[in-house]
Amino acid sequence: MAGRGTFVAQISAANMTIPIEGASVTITEANMQVPQLISFQETDMNGRTAPIGFDTPDISLSETPGNPKPFAVINVQVDMPLYHTVLIKNVQVFPDRESLQQVEMIPMAEHAGFEEQYRVITYDVTPQDL
């Protein structure tokens, strides 16, 4: 039997002290050659997205070594004017849990050139060894 988990993104700046309202959060399937859109949301006044439900592998898979990974994997991209785009690859969503991904946005320099404006800050989450 498959499990069900939820995902929430929390977007902020200044060492996670200032929530960013209105940031665009795009969630795509991580295991696809061509990214498949799962969800597109904007953050609320607290810098959070609404919870998104995901089908996940059954939690019992984490109880026996050698089983496939017991979590779903997604990519999360955050865009906001005047900030660098952030892409986080391979975010893990666990069954029967709410997975929270905090994202620290970095403001662009005031007179940023073309390359600086379109720079994407990319993080790749290392899979848990469960």
N, C-alpha and C. Protein backbone atom coordinates (compact mmCIF):
# COMPACT_ATOMS: atom_id res chain seq x y z
N MET A 1 0.84 -1.18 0.00
CA MET A 1 0.00 0.00 0.00
C MET A 1 0.89 1.25 0.00
N ALA A 2 0.55 2.21 -0.83
CA ALA A 2 1.34 3.44 -0.91
C ALA A 2 1.00 4.35 0.26
N GLY A 3 1.92 5.24 0.56
CA GLY A 3 1.71 6.21 1.62
C GLY A 3 1.32 7.56 1.04
N ARG A 4 1.19 8.51 1.92
CA ARG A 4 0.83 9.87 1.51
C ARG A 4 1.58 10.83 2.41
N GLY A 5 2.27 11.78 1.81
CA GLY A 5 2.98 12.80 2.56
C GLY A 5 2.61 14.17 2.04
N THR A 6 2.97 15.21 2.77
CA THR A 6 2.71 16.57 2.32
C THR A 6 4.01 17.36 2.28
N PHE A 7 3.99 18.43 1.49
CA PHE A 7 5.16 19.29 1.33
C PHE A 7 4.73 20.75 1.49
N VAL A 8 5.56 21.52 2.19
CA VAL A 8 5.35 22.96 2.35
C VAL A 8 6.70 23.64 2.14
N ALA A 9 6.70 24.74 1.39
CA ALA A 9 7.90 25.56 1.24
C ALA A 9 7.74 26.81 2.08
N GLN A 10 8.83 27.23 2.72
CA GLN A 10 8.84 28.47 3.51
C GLN A 10 9.96 29.33 2.96
N ILE A 11 9.59 30.49 2.41
CA ILE A 11 10.54 31.34 1.70
C ILE A 11 10.77 32.61 2.51
N SER A 12 12.05 32.95 2.68
CA SER A 12 12.37 34.16 3.44
C SER A 12 13.73 34.71 3.03
N ALA A 13 14.08 35.83 3.63
CA ALA A 13 15.36 36.49 3.38
C ALA A 13 15.95 36.90 4.73
N ALA A 14 17.16 37.43 4.68
CA ALA A 14 17.85 37.94 5.87
C ALA A 14 17.95 36.88 6.95
N ASN A 15 18.62 35.78 6.62
CA ASN A 15 18.81 34.67 7.56
C ASN A 15 17.50 34.13 8.11
N MET A 16 16.52 33.99 7.21
CA MET A 16 15.22 33.40 7.53
C MET A 16 14.41 34.27 8.50
N THR A 17 14.70 35.56 8.59
CA THR A 17 13.96 36.42 9.52
C THR A 17 12.84 37.23 8.86
N ILE A 18 12.90 37.37 7.53
CA ILE A 18 11.88 38.16 6.82
C ILE A 18 11.15 37.25 5.83
N PRO A 19 9.88 36.91 6.11
CA PRO A 19 9.14 36.09 5.16
C PRO A 19 8.89 36.85 3.86
N ILE A 20 8.90 36.13 2.76
CA ILE A 20 8.69 36.75 1.45
C ILE A 20 7.32 36.35 0.93
N GLU A 21 6.44 37.32 0.87
CA GLU A 21 5.08 37.10 0.34
C GLU A 21 5.11 37.26 -1.18
N GLY A 22 4.38 36.39 -1.88
CA GLY A 22 4.25 36.50 -3.33
C GLY A 22 5.35 35.84 -4.13
N ALA A 23 6.22 35.08 -3.50
CA ALA A 23 7.24 34.35 -4.25
C ALA A 23 6.56 33.22 -5.03
N SER A 24 7.01 32.98 -6.25
CA SER A 24 6.49 31.90 -7.08
C SER A 24 7.25 30.62 -6.78
N VAL A 25 6.52 29.57 -6.42
CA VAL A 25 7.13 28.28 -6.09
C VAL A 25 6.62 27.25 -7.10
N THR A 26 7.54 26.70 -7.88
CA THR A 26 7.21 25.72 -8.90
C THR A 26 7.75 24.37 -8.46
N ILE A 27 6.88 23.36 -8.43
CA ILE A 27 7.28 22.02 -8.01
C ILE A 27 7.13 21.09 -9.21
N THR A 28 8.22 20.38 -9.52
CA THR A 28 8.21 19.45 -10.64
C THR A 28 8.66 18.06 -10.19
N GLU A 29 8.30 17.06 -10.98
CA GLU A 29 8.72 15.68 -10.74
C GLU A 29 10.22 15.61 -10.93
N ALA A 30 10.94 15.02 -9.98
CA ALA A 30 12.41 14.99 -10.04
C ALA A 30 12.95 13.85 -10.90
N ASN A 31 12.19 12.80 -11.09
CA ASN A 31 12.71 11.61 -11.77
C ASN A 31 12.37 11.57 -13.26
N MET A 32 12.05 12.70 -13.84
CA MET A 32 11.66 12.75 -15.24
C MET A 32 12.75 13.44 -16.07
N GLN A 33 12.97 12.95 -17.31
CA GLN A 33 13.91 13.61 -18.22
C GLN A 33 13.41 15.02 -18.55
N VAL A 34 12.11 15.11 -18.85
CA VAL A 34 11.48 16.40 -19.08
C VAL A 34 10.65 16.70 -17.84
N PRO A 35 10.96 17.78 -17.13
CA PRO A 35 10.24 18.06 -15.88
C PRO A 35 8.73 18.15 -16.10
N GLN A 36 7.99 17.47 -15.25
CA GLN A 36 6.53 17.50 -15.29
C GLN A 36 6.04 18.36 -14.13
N LEU A 37 5.24 19.37 -14.46
CA LEU A 37 4.73 20.29 -13.44
C LEU A 37 3.78 19.57 -12.50
N ILE A 38 4.02 19.70 -11.21
CA ILE A 38 3.14 19.15 -10.18
C ILE A 38 2.30 20.26 -9.57
N SER A 39 2.94 21.39 -9.27
CA SER A 39 2.22 22.48 -8.61
C SER A 39 2.92 23.80 -8.86
N PHE A 40 2.13 24.85 -8.92
CA PHE A 40 2.65 26.22 -8.99
C PHE A 40 1.84 27.03 -7.99
N GLN A 41 2.54 27.66 -7.04
CA GLN A 41 1.86 28.44 -6.00
C GLN A 41 2.63 29.72 -5.72
N GLU A 42 1.95 30.65 -5.07
CA GLU A 42 2.61 31.83 -4.53
C GLU A 42 2.56 31.74 -3.01
N THR A 43 3.58 32.27 -2.38
CA THR A 43 3.65 32.22 -0.92
C THR A 43 2.69 33.23 -0.30
N ASP A 44 2.24 32.93 0.92
CA ASP A 44 1.34 33.80 1.65
C ASP A 44 2.14 34.85 2.43
N MET A 45 1.47 35.61 3.28
CA MET A 45 2.14 36.68 4.02
C MET A 45 3.19 36.16 5.01
N ASN A 46 3.15 34.85 5.31
CA ASN A 46 4.14 34.23 6.19
C ASN A 46 5.27 33.57 5.40
N GLY A 47 5.24 33.75 4.07
CA GLY A 47 6.28 33.16 3.22
C GLY A 47 6.09 31.68 2.97
N ARG A 48 4.90 31.16 3.23
CA ARG A 48 4.66 29.71 3.10
C ARG A 48 3.70 29.40 1.95
N THR A 49 3.90 28.21 1.38
CA THR A 49 2.93 27.70 0.41
C THR A 49 1.87 26.92 1.16
N ALA A 50 0.77 26.65 0.49
CA ALA A 50 -0.23 25.74 1.04
C ALA A 50 0.35 24.33 0.98
N PRO A 51 -0.03 23.44 1.89
CA PRO A 51 0.46 22.06 1.84
C PRO A 51 0.02 21.38 0.54
N ILE A 52 0.93 20.60 -0.02
CA ILE A 52 0.66 19.85 -1.24
C ILE A 52 0.81 18.37 -0.91
N GLY A 53 -0.19 17.56 -1.22
CA GLY A 53 -0.14 16.14 -0.95
C GLY A 53 0.57 15.37 -2.05
N PHE A 54 1.32 14.34 -1.65
CA PHE A 54 2.07 13.50 -2.59
C PHE A 54 1.87 12.04 -2.25
N ASP A 55 1.75 11.23 -3.29
CA ASP A 55 1.82 9.79 -3.10
C ASP A 55 3.28 9.45 -2.85
N THR A 56 3.52 8.62 -1.85
CA THR A 56 4.88 8.21 -1.50
C THR A 56 4.93 6.70 -1.38
N PRO A 57 6.11 6.11 -1.42
CA PRO A 57 6.20 4.68 -1.12
C PRO A 57 5.72 4.41 0.30
N ASP A 58 5.33 3.20 0.57
CA ASP A 58 4.86 2.82 1.90
C ASP A 58 5.96 2.98 2.93
N ILE A 59 5.60 3.44 4.10
CA ILE A 59 6.58 3.69 5.17
C ILE A 59 7.30 2.41 5.60
N SER A 60 6.68 1.25 5.41
CA SER A 60 7.31 -0.02 5.80
C SER A 60 8.58 -0.30 5.00
N LEU A 61 8.76 0.36 3.84
CA LEU A 61 9.99 0.16 3.06
C LEU A 61 11.21 0.67 3.80
N SER A 62 11.03 1.58 4.75
CA SER A 62 12.17 2.12 5.50
C SER A 62 12.61 1.18 6.62
N GLU A 63 11.85 0.12 6.84
CA GLU A 63 12.15 -0.77 7.97
C GLU A 63 13.06 -1.93 7.61
N THR A 64 13.30 -2.15 6.32
CA THR A 64 14.12 -3.26 5.88
C THR A 64 15.23 -2.75 4.97
N PRO A 65 16.50 -3.05 5.29
CA PRO A 65 17.60 -2.61 4.43
C PRO A 65 17.47 -3.20 3.02
N GLY A 66 17.92 -2.44 2.04
CA GLY A 66 17.93 -2.92 0.67
C GLY A 66 16.68 -2.59 -0.12
N ASN A 67 15.64 -2.08 0.53
CA ASN A 67 14.43 -1.68 -0.18
C ASN A 67 14.67 -0.38 -0.93
N PRO A 68 13.84 -0.11 -1.94
CA PRO A 68 13.98 1.19 -2.61
C PRO A 68 13.73 2.33 -1.63
N LYS A 69 14.12 3.51 -2.04
CA LYS A 69 13.98 4.67 -1.15
C LYS A 69 12.53 4.84 -0.70
N PRO A 70 12.33 5.08 0.59
CA PRO A 70 10.97 5.19 1.15
C PRO A 70 10.42 6.61 1.13
N PHE A 71 10.70 7.36 0.07
CA PHE A 71 10.21 8.73 -0.03
C PHE A 71 10.03 9.10 -1.49
N ALA A 72 9.18 10.09 -1.74
CA ALA A 72 9.03 10.66 -3.08
C ALA A 72 10.07 11.77 -3.25
N VAL A 73 10.43 12.08 -4.49
CA VAL A 73 11.45 13.08 -4.75
C VAL A 73 10.89 14.12 -5.72
N ILE A 74 11.08 15.41 -5.37
CA ILE A 74 10.60 16.52 -6.20
C ILE A 74 11.71 17.55 -6.36
N ASN A 75 11.53 18.43 -7.34
CA ASN A 75 12.39 19.60 -7.49
C ASN A 75 11.56 20.83 -7.15
N VAL A 76 12.18 21.81 -6.50
CA VAL A 76 11.48 23.03 -6.08
C VAL A 76 12.25 24.23 -6.61
N GLN A 77 11.56 25.09 -7.37
CA GLN A 77 12.17 26.32 -7.87
C GLN A 77 11.41 27.51 -7.31
N VAL A 78 12.17 28.50 -6.82
CA VAL A 78 11.56 29.70 -6.23
C VAL A 78 12.03 30.92 -7.02
N ASP A 79 11.06 31.72 -7.45
CA ASP A 79 11.35 32.95 -8.20
C ASP A 79 10.68 34.13 -7.51
N MET A 80 11.39 35.24 -7.47
CA MET A 80 10.86 36.47 -6.89
C MET A 80 11.63 37.63 -7.51
N PRO A 81 10.92 38.66 -8.03
CA PRO A 81 11.63 39.80 -8.57
C PRO A 81 12.63 40.38 -7.56
N LEU A 82 13.77 40.79 -8.06
CA LEU A 82 14.86 41.41 -7.31
C LEU A 82 15.65 40.42 -6.46
N TYR A 83 15.35 39.11 -6.59
CA TYR A 83 16.10 38.06 -5.90
C TYR A 83 16.58 37.04 -6.94
N HIS A 84 17.68 36.36 -6.61
CA HIS A 84 18.14 35.28 -7.48
C HIS A 84 17.18 34.11 -7.41
N THR A 85 16.97 33.46 -8.53
CA THR A 85 16.17 32.24 -8.56
C THR A 85 16.91 31.16 -7.80
N VAL A 86 16.17 30.36 -7.03
CA VAL A 86 16.75 29.24 -6.28
C VAL A 86 16.10 27.95 -6.79
N LEU A 87 16.92 26.96 -7.13
CA LEU A 87 16.45 25.64 -7.54
C LEU A 87 17.01 24.61 -6.58
N ILE A 88 16.12 23.85 -5.96
CA ILE A 88 16.54 22.78 -5.05
C ILE A 88 16.10 21.46 -5.67
N LYS A 89 17.09 20.63 -6.00
CA LYS A 89 16.81 19.35 -6.65
C LYS A 89 16.74 18.23 -5.63
N ASN A 90 15.89 17.26 -5.91
CA ASN A 90 15.80 16.02 -5.14
C ASN A 90 15.34 16.22 -3.69
N VAL A 91 14.37 17.10 -3.50
CA VAL A 91 13.77 17.29 -2.18
C VAL A 91 12.95 16.04 -1.84
N GLN A 92 13.08 15.56 -0.64
CA GLN A 92 12.45 14.31 -0.23
C GLN A 92 11.14 14.57 0.52
N VAL A 93 10.10 13.84 0.12
CA VAL A 93 8.79 13.92 0.77
C VAL A 93 8.49 12.55 1.36
N PHE A 94 8.37 12.49 2.67
CA PHE A 94 8.21 11.22 3.38
C PHE A 94 6.74 10.90 3.64
N PRO A 95 6.41 9.61 3.70
CA PRO A 95 5.02 9.23 4.00
C PRO A 95 4.63 9.60 5.42
N ASP A 96 3.37 9.96 5.59
CA ASP A 96 2.80 10.26 6.90
C ASP A 96 3.49 11.43 7.62
N ARG A 97 4.13 12.32 6.86
CA ARG A 97 4.84 13.46 7.44
C ARG A 97 4.61 14.70 6.58
N GLU A 98 4.78 15.88 7.19
CA GLU A 98 4.84 17.11 6.41
C GLU A 98 6.30 17.48 6.26
N SER A 99 6.78 17.51 5.03
CA SER A 99 8.16 17.89 4.74
C SER A 99 8.20 19.40 4.52
N LEU A 100 9.02 20.10 5.28
CA LEU A 100 9.16 21.55 5.18
C LEU A 100 10.50 21.87 4.56
N GLN A 101 10.48 22.61 3.44
CA GLN A 101 11.72 23.05 2.81
C GLN A 101 11.84 24.56 3.00
N GLN A 102 12.80 24.98 3.81
CA GLN A 102 13.06 26.40 3.99
C GLN A 102 14.00 26.87 2.89
N VAL A 103 13.69 28.01 2.30
CA VAL A 103 14.50 28.55 1.20
C VAL A 103 14.88 29.98 1.55
N GLU A 104 16.17 30.23 1.58
CA GLU A 104 16.73 31.56 1.85
C GLU A 104 16.98 32.25 0.50
N MET A 105 16.27 33.34 0.25
CA MET A 105 16.44 34.08 -1.00
C MET A 105 17.57 35.09 -0.84
N ILE A 106 18.33 35.26 -1.93
CA ILE A 106 19.46 36.18 -1.93
C ILE A 106 19.14 37.33 -2.89
N PRO A 107 19.14 38.56 -2.36
CA PRO A 107 18.81 39.70 -3.24
C PRO A 107 19.89 39.94 -4.28
N MET A 108 19.46 40.45 -5.44
CA MET A 108 20.41 40.83 -6.50
C MET A 108 21.04 42.16 -6.12
N ALA A 109 22.22 42.38 -6.66
CA ALA A 109 22.87 43.68 -6.49
C ALA A 109 22.02 44.75 -7.18
N GLU A 110 22.08 45.97 -6.69
CA GLU A 110 21.22 47.03 -7.20
C GLU A 110 21.39 47.26 -8.70
N HIS A 111 22.60 47.21 -9.19
CA HIS A 111 22.86 47.44 -10.61
C HIS A 111 23.42 46.16 -11.24
N ALA A 112 22.73 45.06 -11.04
CA ALA A 112 23.20 43.77 -11.54
C ALA A 112 23.19 43.74 -13.06
N GLY A 113 24.23 43.16 -13.63
CA GLY A 113 24.30 42.99 -15.08
C GLY A 113 23.42 41.83 -15.53
N PHE A 114 23.39 41.59 -16.82
CA PHE A 114 22.53 40.56 -17.41
C PHE A 114 22.80 39.18 -16.80
N GLU A 115 24.07 38.78 -16.75
CA GLU A 115 24.40 37.45 -16.20
C GLU A 115 24.00 37.32 -14.74
N GLU A 116 24.22 38.37 -13.99
CA GLU A 116 23.87 38.35 -12.57
C GLU A 116 22.36 38.25 -12.38
N GLN A 117 21.58 38.91 -13.23
CA GLN A 117 20.13 38.89 -13.12
C GLN A 117 19.55 37.50 -13.38
N TYR A 118 20.20 36.74 -14.24
CA TYR A 118 19.65 35.43 -14.62
C TYR A 118 20.40 34.26 -13.99
N ARG A 119 21.18 34.52 -12.97
CA ARG A 119 21.90 33.46 -12.27
C ARG A 119 20.92 32.66 -11.43
N VAL A 120 21.02 31.34 -11.52
CA VAL A 120 20.18 30.44 -10.71
C VAL A 120 21.07 29.79 -9.67
N ILE A 121 20.68 29.90 -8.42
CA ILE A 121 21.41 29.25 -7.33
C ILE A 121 20.82 27.86 -7.17
N THR A 122 21.65 26.83 -7.37
CA THR A 122 21.16 25.45 -7.39
C THR A 122 21.75 24.66 -6.23
N TYR A 123 20.87 23.92 -5.56
CA TYR A 123 21.27 22.99 -4.50
C TYR A 123 20.77 21.61 -4.89
N ASP A 124 21.55 20.59 -4.59
CA ASP A 124 21.14 19.22 -4.86
C ASP A 124 21.14 18.46 -3.53
N VAL A 125 19.96 18.03 -3.10
CA VAL A 125 19.82 17.35 -1.82
C VAL A 125 20.34 15.92 -1.96
N THR A 126 21.24 15.53 -1.07
CA THR A 126 21.77 14.18 -1.06
C THR A 126 20.72 13.24 -0.47
N PRO A 127 20.43 12.13 -1.15
CA PRO A 127 19.39 11.21 -0.62
C PRO A 127 19.78 10.64 0.75
N GLN A 128 18.80 10.45 1.57
CA GLN A 128 19.01 9.85 2.87
C GLN A 128 19.36 8.37 2.68
N ASP A 129 20.26 7.87 3.45
CA ASP A 129 20.65 6.47 3.39
C ASP A 129 19.85 5.71 4.44
N LEU A 130 18.64 5.32 4.06
CA LEU A 130 17.75 4.65 5.01
C LEU A 130 17.70 3.17 4.76
